[in-house]
Amino acid sequence: MSRPRRVGLPWYAAEHYDALRARLADGGALPPHYETWRIATEQMEQVVRQSGVEVLRVPIEPEVFAAWCARTGAPPDASARARYAAEAIATDKGP
């Protein structure tokens, strides 16, 4: 299997983090504090970039993501966020 040239990284804005954690099926698995999540995610992003893969941050906004989940029948979980981000970079305009 070949490595993708670019990947979409679900990205949360500080102002949406608490609302997303409350709405996500797996929100309790995310760190309770935004800064903890941001630092860990930026570290992972750097590792992926160093492997030669372009990383594109895809904003996950509570209302937009909830509407996408309802439209696609996807539960609001990590798998759906990854799919949402992949669709966003595939279309270059968002799902």
C-alpha atoms as a PDB file:
ATOM      1  CA  MET A   1       0.000   0.000   0.000  1.00  0.00           C
ATOM      2  CA  SER A   2       1.426   3.369  -0.940  1.00  0.00           C
ATOM      3  CA  ARG A   3       1.611   6.300   1.445  1.00  0.00           C
ATOM      4  CA  PRO A   4      -0.771   9.183   0.684  1.00  0.00           C
ATOM      5  CA  ARG A   5       0.785  12.403  -0.559  1.00  0.00           C
ATOM      6  CA  ARG A   6      -1.426  14.441   1.729  1.00  0.00           C
ATOM      7  CA  VAL A   7      -3.831  13.873   4.569  1.00  0.00           C
ATOM      8  CA  GLY A   8      -6.572  15.898   6.186  1.00  0.00           C
ATOM      9  CA  LEU A   9      -6.110  16.529   9.892  1.00  0.00           C
ATOM     10  CA  PRO A  10      -9.301  17.265  11.828  1.00  0.00           C
ATOM     11  CA  TRP A  11      -8.558  20.558  13.558  1.00  0.00           C
ATOM     12  CA  TYR A  12     -10.447  22.162  16.418  1.00  0.00           C
ATOM     13  CA  ALA A  13     -10.456  25.871  17.175  1.00  0.00           C
ATOM     14  CA  ALA A  14     -10.046  26.774  20.837  1.00  0.00           C
ATOM     15  CA  GLU A  15     -13.465  28.430  20.902  1.00  0.00           C
ATOM     16  CA  HIS A  16     -15.174  25.242  19.631  1.00  0.00           C
ATOM     17  CA  TYR A  17     -13.271  22.669  21.668  1.00  0.00           C
ATOM     18  CA  ASP A  18     -15.571  22.352  24.679  1.00  0.00           C
ATOM     19  CA  ALA A  19     -18.706  22.259  22.510  1.00  0.00           C
ATOM     20  CA  LEU A  20     -17.165  19.573  20.306  1.00  0.00           C
ATOM     21  CA  ARG A  21     -16.066  17.452  23.273  1.00  0.00           C
ATOM     22  CA  ALA A  22     -19.634  17.598  24.604  1.00  0.00           C
ATOM     23  CA  ARG A  23     -21.192  16.598  21.258  1.00  0.00           C
ATOM     24  CA  LEU A  24     -18.772  13.946  20.053  1.00  0.00           C
ATOM     25  CA  ALA A  25     -19.570  10.305  20.745  1.00  0.00           C
ATOM     26  CA  ASP A  26     -15.958   9.888  21.844  1.00  0.00           C
ATOM     27  CA  GLY A  27     -15.480  13.385  23.244  1.00  0.00           C
ATOM     28  CA  GLY A  28     -14.519  12.006  26.648  1.00  0.00           C
ATOM     29  CA  ALA A  29     -11.457  10.430  25.041  1.00  0.00           C
ATOM     30  CA  LEU A  30     -10.120  13.853  24.059  1.00  0.00           C
ATOM     31  CA  PRO A  31      -7.964  15.712  26.589  1.00  0.00           C
ATOM     32  CA  PRO A  32     -10.044  17.939  28.868  1.00  0.00           C
ATOM     33  CA  HIS A  33      -7.982  21.019  27.991  1.00  0.00           C
ATOM     34  CA  TYR A  34      -7.579  22.466  24.512  1.00  0.00           C
ATOM     35  CA  GLU A  35      -3.888  23.267  24.951  1.00  0.00           C
ATOM     36  CA  THR A  36      -3.120  19.646  25.814  1.00  0.00           C
ATOM     37  CA  TRP A  37      -4.918  18.491  22.675  1.00  0.00           C
ATOM     38  CA  ARG A  38      -3.260  21.178  20.513  1.00  0.00           C
ATOM     39  CA  ILE A  39       0.276  20.385  21.645  1.00  0.00           C
ATOM     40  CA  ALA A  40      -0.155  16.625  21.153  1.00  0.00           C
ATOM     41  CA  THR A  41      -1.781  17.104  17.757  1.00  0.00           C
ATOM     42  CA  GLU A  42       0.909  19.511  16.552  1.00  0.00           C
ATOM     43  CA  GLN A  43       3.569  16.982  17.576  1.00  0.00           C
ATOM     44  CA  MET A  44       1.815  14.231  15.606  1.00  0.00           C
ATOM     45  CA  GLU A  45       1.379  16.615  12.669  1.00  0.00           C
ATOM     46  CA  GLN A  46       5.124  17.311  12.652  1.00  0.00           C
ATOM     47  CA  VAL A  47       5.969  13.585  12.621  1.00  0.00           C
ATOM     48  CA  VAL A  48       3.664  13.017   9.653  1.00  0.00           C
ATOM     49  CA  ARG A  49       5.149  15.988   7.783  1.00  0.00           C
ATOM     50  CA  GLN A  50       8.672  14.716   8.435  1.00  0.00           C
ATOM     51  CA  SER A  51       7.675  11.464   6.739  1.00  0.00           C
ATOM     52  CA  GLY A  52       7.011  13.443   3.555  1.00  0.00           C
ATOM     53  CA  VAL A  53       3.237  13.662   3.745  1.00  0.00           C
ATOM     54  CA  GLU A  54       1.543  17.035   3.388  1.00  0.00           C
ATOM     55  CA  VAL A  55      -0.834  17.701   6.284  1.00  0.00           C
ATOM     56  CA  LEU A  56      -3.833  19.940   5.717  1.00  0.00           C
ATOM     57  CA  ARG A  57      -5.734  21.131   8.759  1.00  0.00           C
ATOM     58  CA  VAL A  58      -9.473  20.750   8.280  1.00  0.00           C
ATOM     59  CA  PRO A  59     -11.564  22.813  10.695  1.00  0.00           C
ATOM     60  CA  ILE A  60     -14.206  20.854  12.567  1.00  0.00           C
ATOM     61  CA  GLU A  61     -16.950  23.309  13.509  1.00  0.00           C
ATOM     62  CA  PRO A  62     -19.682  21.961  15.791  1.00  0.00           C
ATOM     63  CA  GLU A  63     -22.751  22.875  13.717  1.00  0.00           C
ATOM     64  CA  VAL A  64     -21.222  22.101  10.331  1.00  0.00           C
ATOM     65  CA  PHE A  65     -19.861  18.747  11.453  1.00  0.00           C
ATOM     66  CA  ALA A  66     -23.165  17.821  13.145  1.00  0.00           C
ATOM     67  CA  ALA A  67     -25.028  18.614   9.923  1.00  0.00           C
ATOM     68  CA  TRP A  68     -22.557  16.524   7.895  1.00  0.00           C
ATOM     69  CA  CYS A  69     -23.003  13.590  10.307  1.00  0.00           C
ATOM     70  CA  ALA A  70     -26.792  13.858  10.031  1.00  0.00           C
ATOM     71  CA  ARG A  71     -26.594  14.023   6.227  1.00  0.00           C
ATOM     72  CA  THR A  72     -24.252  11.035   5.929  1.00  0.00           C
ATOM     73  CA  GLY A  73     -25.622   8.975   8.819  1.00  0.00           C
ATOM     74  CA  ALA A  74     -22.193   8.897  10.452  1.00  0.00           C
ATOM     75  CA  PRO A  75     -21.896   8.886  14.238  1.00  0.00           C
ATOM     76  CA  PRO A  76     -19.909  11.884  15.533  1.00  0.00           C
ATOM     77  CA  ASP A  77     -16.739   9.944  16.316  1.00  0.00           C
ATOM     78  CA  ALA A  78     -13.065   9.772  15.322  1.00  0.00           C
ATOM     79  CA  SER A  79     -13.789   7.693  12.237  1.00  0.00           C
ATOM     80  CA  ALA A  80     -16.328  10.237  11.004  1.00  0.00           C
ATOM     81  CA  ARG A  81     -13.944  13.127  11.674  1.00  0.00           C
ATOM     82  CA  ALA A  82     -11.251  11.384   9.629  1.00  0.00           C
ATOM     83  CA  ARG A  83     -13.712  10.766   6.788  1.00  0.00           C
ATOM     84  CA  TYR A  84     -14.919  14.379   6.952  1.00  0.00           C
ATOM     85  CA  ALA A  85     -11.320  15.639   6.729  1.00  0.00           C
ATOM     86  CA  ALA A  86     -10.517  13.254   3.850  1.00  0.00           C
ATOM     87  CA  GLU A  87     -13.566  14.474   1.924  1.00  0.00           C
ATOM     88  CA  ALA A  88     -12.606  18.087   2.579  1.00  0.00           C
ATOM     89  CA  ILE A  89      -9.156  17.696   1.069  1.00  0.00           C
ATOM     90  CA  ALA A  90     -10.456  15.567  -1.802  1.00  0.00           C
ATOM     91  CA  THR A  91     -12.809  18.326  -2.897  1.00  0.00           C
ATOM     92  CA  ASP A  92     -10.578  21.216  -1.739  1.00  0.00           C
ATOM     93  CA  LYS A  93     -13.713  22.995  -0.588  1.00  0.00           C
ATOM     94  CA  GLY A  94     -15.038  20.851   2.230  1.00  0.00           C
ATOM     95  CA  PRO A  95     -17.596  18.098   2.514  1.00  0.00           C
END
